Every structure is written in structure tokens, then in C-alpha cells.
Amino acid sequence: VQLVESGGGLVQAGGSLRVTCVASG
């Protein structure tokens, strides 16, 4: 079983981000 995250980064306060996890196995 593998889990891989993505979508992180640098944002200003008040901003938005979406992180995603993809599972396999």
C-alpha cells in the first residue's frame, strides 16, 4: 500500500491550497 501526497506549496495568509493523496496497492 502506497500513499503519495501532492499539492503543497507557499501561500500568503488568507490564501488557499488543495493537497491530494493518491493511494495504490
PDB file of all heavy atoms in Angstrom:
ATOM      1  N   VAL A   1       0.849  -1.179   0.000  1.00  0.00           N
ATOM      2  CA  VAL A   1       0.000   0.000   0.000  1.00  0.00           C
ATOM      3  C   VAL A   1       0.889   1.236   0.000  1.00  0.00           C
ATOM      4  O   VAL A   1       1.771   1.381   0.841  1.00  0.00           O
ATOM      5  CB  VAL A   1      -0.933   0.025   1.213  1.00  0.00           C
ATOM      6  CG1 VAL A   1      -1.735   1.323   1.243  1.00  0.00           C
ATOM      7  CG2 VAL A   1      -1.876  -1.168   1.178  1.00  0.00           C
ATOM      8  N   GLN A   2       0.642   2.120  -0.936  1.00  0.00           N
ATOM      9  CA  GLN A   2       1.401   3.352  -1.048  1.00  0.00           C
ATOM     10  C   GLN A   2       0.471   4.553  -1.071  1.00  0.00           C
ATOM     11  O   GLN A   2      -0.591   4.515  -1.707  1.00  0.00           O
ATOM     12  CB  GLN A   2       2.251   3.363  -2.313  1.00  0.00           C
ATOM     13  CG  GLN A   2       3.415   2.394  -2.286  1.00  0.00           C
ATOM     14  CD  GLN A   2       4.301   2.531  -3.497  1.00  0.00           C
ATOM     15  OE1 GLN A   2       3.823   2.533  -4.626  1.00  0.00           O
ATOM     16  NE2 GLN A   2       5.595   2.657  -3.272  1.00  0.00           N
ATOM     17  N   LEU A   3       0.880   5.596  -0.379  1.00  0.00           N
ATOM     18  CA  LEU A   3       0.160   6.854  -0.361  1.00  0.00           C
ATOM     19  C   LEU A   3       1.117   7.954  -0.786  1.00  0.00           C
ATOM     20  O   LEU A   3       2.216   8.063  -0.247  1.00  0.00           O
ATOM     21  CB  LEU A   3      -0.382   7.159   1.039  1.00  0.00           C
ATOM     22  CG  LEU A   3      -1.267   6.094   1.692  1.00  0.00           C
ATOM     23  CD1 LEU A   3      -1.595   6.496   3.130  1.00  0.00           C
ATOM     24  CD2 LEU A   3      -2.557   5.911   0.900  1.00  0.00           C
ATOM     25  N   VAL A   4       0.711   8.759  -1.740  1.00  0.00           N
ATOM     26  CA  VAL A   4       1.554   9.826  -2.256  1.00  0.00           C
ATOM     27  C   VAL A   4       0.793  11.135  -2.210  1.00  0.00           C
ATOM     28  O   VAL A   4      -0.263  11.265  -2.834  1.00  0.00           O
ATOM     29  CB  VAL A   4       2.020   9.537  -3.693  1.00  0.00           C
ATOM     30  CG1 VAL A   4       2.895  10.682  -4.197  1.00  0.00           C
ATOM     31  CG2 VAL A   4       2.784   8.228  -3.753  1.00  0.00           C
ATOM     32  N   GLU A   5       1.343  12.102  -1.472  1.00  0.00           N
ATOM     33  CA  GLU A   5       0.726  13.415  -1.353  1.00  0.00           C
ATOM     34  C   GLU A   5       1.316  14.385  -2.371  1.00  0.00           C
ATOM     35  O   GLU A   5       2.477  14.266  -2.758  1.00  0.00           O
ATOM     36  CB  GLU A   5       0.936  13.995   0.055  1.00  0.00           C
ATOM     37  CG  GLU A   5       0.459  13.105   1.186  1.00  0.00           C
ATOM     38  CD  GLU A   5       1.571  12.264   1.769  1.00  0.00           C
ATOM     39  OE1 GLU A   5       2.552  11.961   1.051  1.00  0.00           O
ATOM     40  OE2 GLU A   5       1.468  11.901   2.953  1.00  0.00           O
ATOM     41  N   SER A   6       0.518  15.360  -2.749  1.00  0.00           N
ATOM     42  CA  SER A   6       0.974  16.414  -3.632  1.00  0.00           C
ATOM     43  C   SER A   6       0.110  17.649  -3.403  1.00  0.00           C
ATOM     44  O   SER A   6      -0.925  17.586  -2.745  1.00  0.00           O
ATOM     45  CB  SER A   6       0.905  15.989  -5.099  1.00  0.00           C
ATOM     46  OG  SER A   6      -0.428  15.721  -5.494  1.00  0.00           O
ATOM     47  N   GLY A   7       0.542  18.768  -3.958  1.00  0.00           N
ATOM     48  CA  GLY A   7      -0.251  19.982  -3.905  1.00  0.00           C
ATOM     49  C   GLY A   7       0.201  21.014  -2.901  1.00  0.00           C
ATOM     50  O   GLY A   7      -0.366  22.112  -2.850  1.00  0.00           O
ATOM     51  N   GLY A   8       1.204  20.688  -2.096  1.00  0.00           N
ATOM     52  CA  GLY A   8       1.704  21.658  -1.140  1.00  0.00           C
ATOM     53  C   GLY A   8       2.433  22.792  -1.835  1.00  0.00           C
ATOM     54  O   GLY A   8       2.733  22.735  -3.022  1.00  0.00           O
ATOM     55  N   GLY A   9       2.711  23.832  -1.069  1.00  0.00           N
ATOM     56  CA  GLY A   9       3.408  24.971  -1.625  1.00  0.00           C
ATOM     57  C   GLY A   9       3.435  26.132  -0.659  1.00  0.00           C
ATOM     58  O   GLY A   9       3.143  25.983   0.528  1.00  0.00           O
ATOM     59  N   LEU A  10       3.790  27.285  -1.187  1.00  0.00           N
ATOM     60  CA  LEU A  10       3.889  28.517  -0.411  1.00  0.00           C
ATOM     61  C   LEU A  10       2.738  29.437  -0.778  1.00  0.00           C
ATOM     62  O   LEU A  10       2.528  29.735  -1.961  1.00  0.00           O
ATOM     63  CB  LEU A  10       5.226  29.209  -0.685  1.00  0.00           C
ATOM     64  CG  LEU A  10       5.431  30.591  -0.073  1.00  0.00           C
ATOM     65  CD1 LEU A  10       5.442  30.504   1.444  1.00  0.00           C
ATOM     66  CD2 LEU A  10       6.719  31.202  -0.595  1.00  0.00           C
ATOM     67  N   VAL A  11       2.005  29.881   0.231  1.00  0.00           N
ATOM     68  CA  VAL A  11       0.888  30.794   0.010  1.00  0.00           C
ATOM     69  C   VAL A  11       0.899  31.887   1.066  1.00  0.00           C
ATOM     70  O   VAL A  11       1.471  31.730   2.145  1.00  0.00           O
ATOM     71  CB  VAL A  11      -0.478  30.074   0.034  1.00  0.00           C
ATOM     72  CG1 VAL A  11      -0.577  29.058  -1.086  1.00  0.00           C
ATOM     73  CG2 VAL A  11      -0.706  29.406   1.385  1.00  0.00           C
ATOM     74  N   GLN A  12       0.255  32.990   0.739  1.00  0.00           N
ATOM     75  CA  GLN A  12       0.081  34.067   1.698  1.00  0.00           C
ATOM     76  C   GLN A  12      -1.063  33.755   2.646  1.00  0.00           C
ATOM     77  O   GLN A  12      -1.983  32.999   2.306  1.00  0.00           O
ATOM     78  CB  GLN A  12      -0.208  35.377   0.974  1.00  0.00           C
ATOM     79  CG  GLN A  12       0.914  35.877   0.084  1.00  0.00           C
ATOM     80  CD  GLN A  12       2.072  36.436   0.882  1.00  0.00           C
ATOM     81  OE1 GLN A  12       1.898  36.928   2.001  1.00  0.00           O
ATOM     82  NE2 GLN A  12       3.261  36.369   0.312  1.00  0.00           N
ATOM     83  N   ALA A  13      -0.998  34.310   3.835  1.00  0.00           N
ATOM     84  CA  ALA A  13      -2.099  34.160   4.779  1.00  0.00           C
ATOM     85  C   ALA A  13      -3.404  34.610   4.133  1.00  0.00           C
ATOM     86  O   ALA A  13      -3.447  35.633   3.450  1.00  0.00           O
ATOM     87  CB  ALA A  13      -1.824  34.962   6.040  1.00  0.00           C
ATOM     88  N   GLY A  14      -4.446  33.824   4.352  1.00  0.00           N
ATOM     89  CA  GLY A  14      -5.728  34.098   3.732  1.00  0.00           C
ATOM     90  C   GLY A  14      -5.938  33.395   2.414  1.00  0.00           C
ATOM     91  O   GLY A  14      -7.062  33.367   1.893  1.00  0.00           O
ATOM     92  N   GLY A  15      -4.888  32.806   1.882  1.00  0.00           N
ATOM     93  CA  GLY A  15      -4.975  32.105   0.619  1.00  0.00           C
ATOM     94  C   GLY A  15      -5.461  30.681   0.776  1.00  0.00           C
ATOM     95  O   GLY A  15      -5.815  30.240   1.867  1.00  0.00           O
ATOM     96  N   SER A  16      -5.444  29.954  -0.334  1.00  0.00           N
ATOM     97  CA  SER A  16      -5.964  28.592  -0.358  1.00  0.00           C
ATOM     98  C   SER A  16      -5.001  27.641  -1.047  1.00  0.00           C
ATOM     99  O   SER A  16      -4.230  28.033  -1.928  1.00  0.00           O
ATOM    100  CB  SER A  16      -7.305  28.542  -1.096  1.00  0.00           C
ATOM    101  OG  SER A  16      -8.292  29.316  -0.448  1.00  0.00           O
ATOM    102  N   LEU A  17      -5.065  26.396  -0.639  1.00  0.00           N
ATOM    103  CA  LEU A  17      -4.340  25.305  -1.270  1.00  0.00           C
ATOM    104  C   LEU A  17      -5.188  24.055  -1.192  1.00  0.00           C
ATOM    105  O   LEU A  17      -6.016  23.918  -0.290  1.00  0.00           O
ATOM    106  CB  LEU A  17      -3.009  25.026  -0.581  1.00  0.00           C
ATOM    107  CG  LEU A  17      -1.784  25.868  -0.924  1.00  0.00           C
ATOM    108  CD1 LEU A  17      -0.620  25.439  -0.032  1.00  0.00           C
ATOM    109  CD2 LEU A  17      -1.415  25.723  -2.390  1.00  0.00           C
ATOM    110  N   ARG A  18      -4.960  23.142  -2.107  1.00  0.00           N
ATOM    111  CA  ARG A  18      -5.577  21.831  -2.026  1.00  0.00           C
ATOM    112  C   ARG A  18      -4.484  20.784  -2.130  1.00  0.00           C
ATOM    113  O   ARG A  18      -3.741  20.753  -3.113  1.00  0.00           O
ATOM    114  CB  ARG A  18      -6.618  21.614  -3.129  1.00  0.00           C
ATOM    115  CG  ARG A  18      -7.373  20.287  -2.950  1.00  0.00           C
ATOM    116  CD  ARG A  18      -8.500  20.111  -3.941  1.00  0.00           C
ATOM    117  NE  ARG A  18      -8.019  19.764  -5.269  1.00  0.00           N
ATOM    118  CZ  ARG A  18      -8.795  19.352  -6.254  1.00  0.00           C
ATOM    119  NH1 ARG A  18     -10.108  19.244  -6.063  1.00  0.00           N
ATOM    120  NH2 ARG A  18      -8.263  19.072  -7.433  1.00  0.00           N
ATOM    121  N   VAL A  19      -4.389  19.952  -1.109  1.00  0.00           N
ATOM    122  CA  VAL A  19      -3.453  18.846  -1.138  1.00  0.00           C
ATOM    123  C   VAL A  19      -4.206  17.573  -1.483  1.00  0.00           C
ATOM    124  O   VAL A  19      -5.369  17.399  -1.113  1.00  0.00           O
ATOM    125  CB  VAL A  19      -2.680  18.692   0.190  1.00  0.00           C
ATOM    126  CG1 VAL A  19      -1.703  19.849   0.364  1.00  0.00           C
ATOM    127  CG2 VAL A  19      -3.624  18.627   1.382  1.00  0.00           C
ATOM    128  N   THR A  20      -3.538  16.699  -2.211  1.00  0.00           N
ATOM    129  CA  THR A  20      -4.151  15.486  -2.714  1.00  0.00           C
ATOM    130  C   THR A  20      -3.321  14.278  -2.324  1.00  0.00           C
ATOM    131  O   THR A  20      -2.090  14.338  -2.315  1.00  0.00           O
ATOM    132  CB  THR A  20      -4.290  15.550  -4.246  1.00  0.00           C
ATOM    133  OG1 THR A  20      -5.164  16.622  -4.607  1.00  0.00           O
ATOM    134  CG2 THR A  20      -4.876  14.249  -4.798  1.00  0.00           C
ATOM    135  N   CYS A  21      -3.988  13.200  -2.011  1.00  0.00           N
ATOM    136  CA  CYS A  21      -3.349  11.931  -1.702  1.00  0.00           C
ATOM    137  C   CYS A  21      -3.860  10.885  -2.673  1.00  0.00           C
ATOM    138  O   CYS A  21      -5.076  10.709  -2.817  1.00  0.00           O
ATOM    139  CB  CYS A  21      -3.651  11.527  -0.263  1.00  0.00           C
ATOM    140  SG  CYS A  21      -3.045   9.895   0.213  1.00  0.00           S
ATOM    141  N   VAL A  22      -2.944  10.204  -3.332  1.00  0.00           N
ATOM    142  CA  VAL A  22      -3.290   9.125  -4.245  1.00  0.00           C
ATOM    143  C   VAL A  22      -2.835   7.804  -3.643  1.00  0.00           C
ATOM    144  O   VAL A  22      -1.673   7.664  -3.271  1.00  0.00           O
ATOM    145  CB  VAL A  22      -2.652   9.322  -5.626  1.00  0.00           C
ATOM    146  CG1 VAL A  22      -3.027   8.169  -6.553  1.00  0.00           C
ATOM    147  CG2 VAL A  22      -3.090  10.644  -6.232  1.00  0.00           C
ATOM    148  N   ALA A  23      -3.748   6.860  -3.552  1.00  0.00           N
ATOM    149  CA  ALA A  23      -3.459   5.562  -2.964  1.00  0.00           C
ATOM    150  C   ALA A  23      -3.324   4.499  -4.041  1.00  0.00           C
ATOM    151  O   ALA A  23      -4.002   4.538  -5.072  1.00  0.00           O
ATOM    152  CB  ALA A  23      -4.558   5.164  -1.985  1.00  0.00           C
ATOM    153  N   SER A  24      -2.452   3.532  -3.777  1.00  0.00           N
ATOM    154  CA  SER A  24      -2.284   2.408  -4.681  1.00  0.00           C
ATOM    155  C   SER A  24      -1.901   1.170  -3.877  1.00  0.00           C
ATOM    156  O   SER A  24      -1.421   1.273  -2.751  1.00  0.00           O
ATOM    157  CB  SER A  24      -1.219   2.694  -5.735  1.00  0.00           C
ATOM    158  OG  SER A  24       0.050   2.904  -5.136  1.00  0.00           O
ATOM    159  N   GLY A  25      -2.133   0.011  -4.458  1.00  0.00           N
ATOM    160  CA  GLY A  25      -1.727  -1.233  -3.828  1.00  0.00           C
ATOM    161  C   GLY A  25      -2.720  -1.820  -2.847  1.00  0.00           C
ATOM    162  O   GLY A  25      -2.412  -2.796  -2.168  1.00  0.00           O
TER     163      GLY A  25
END
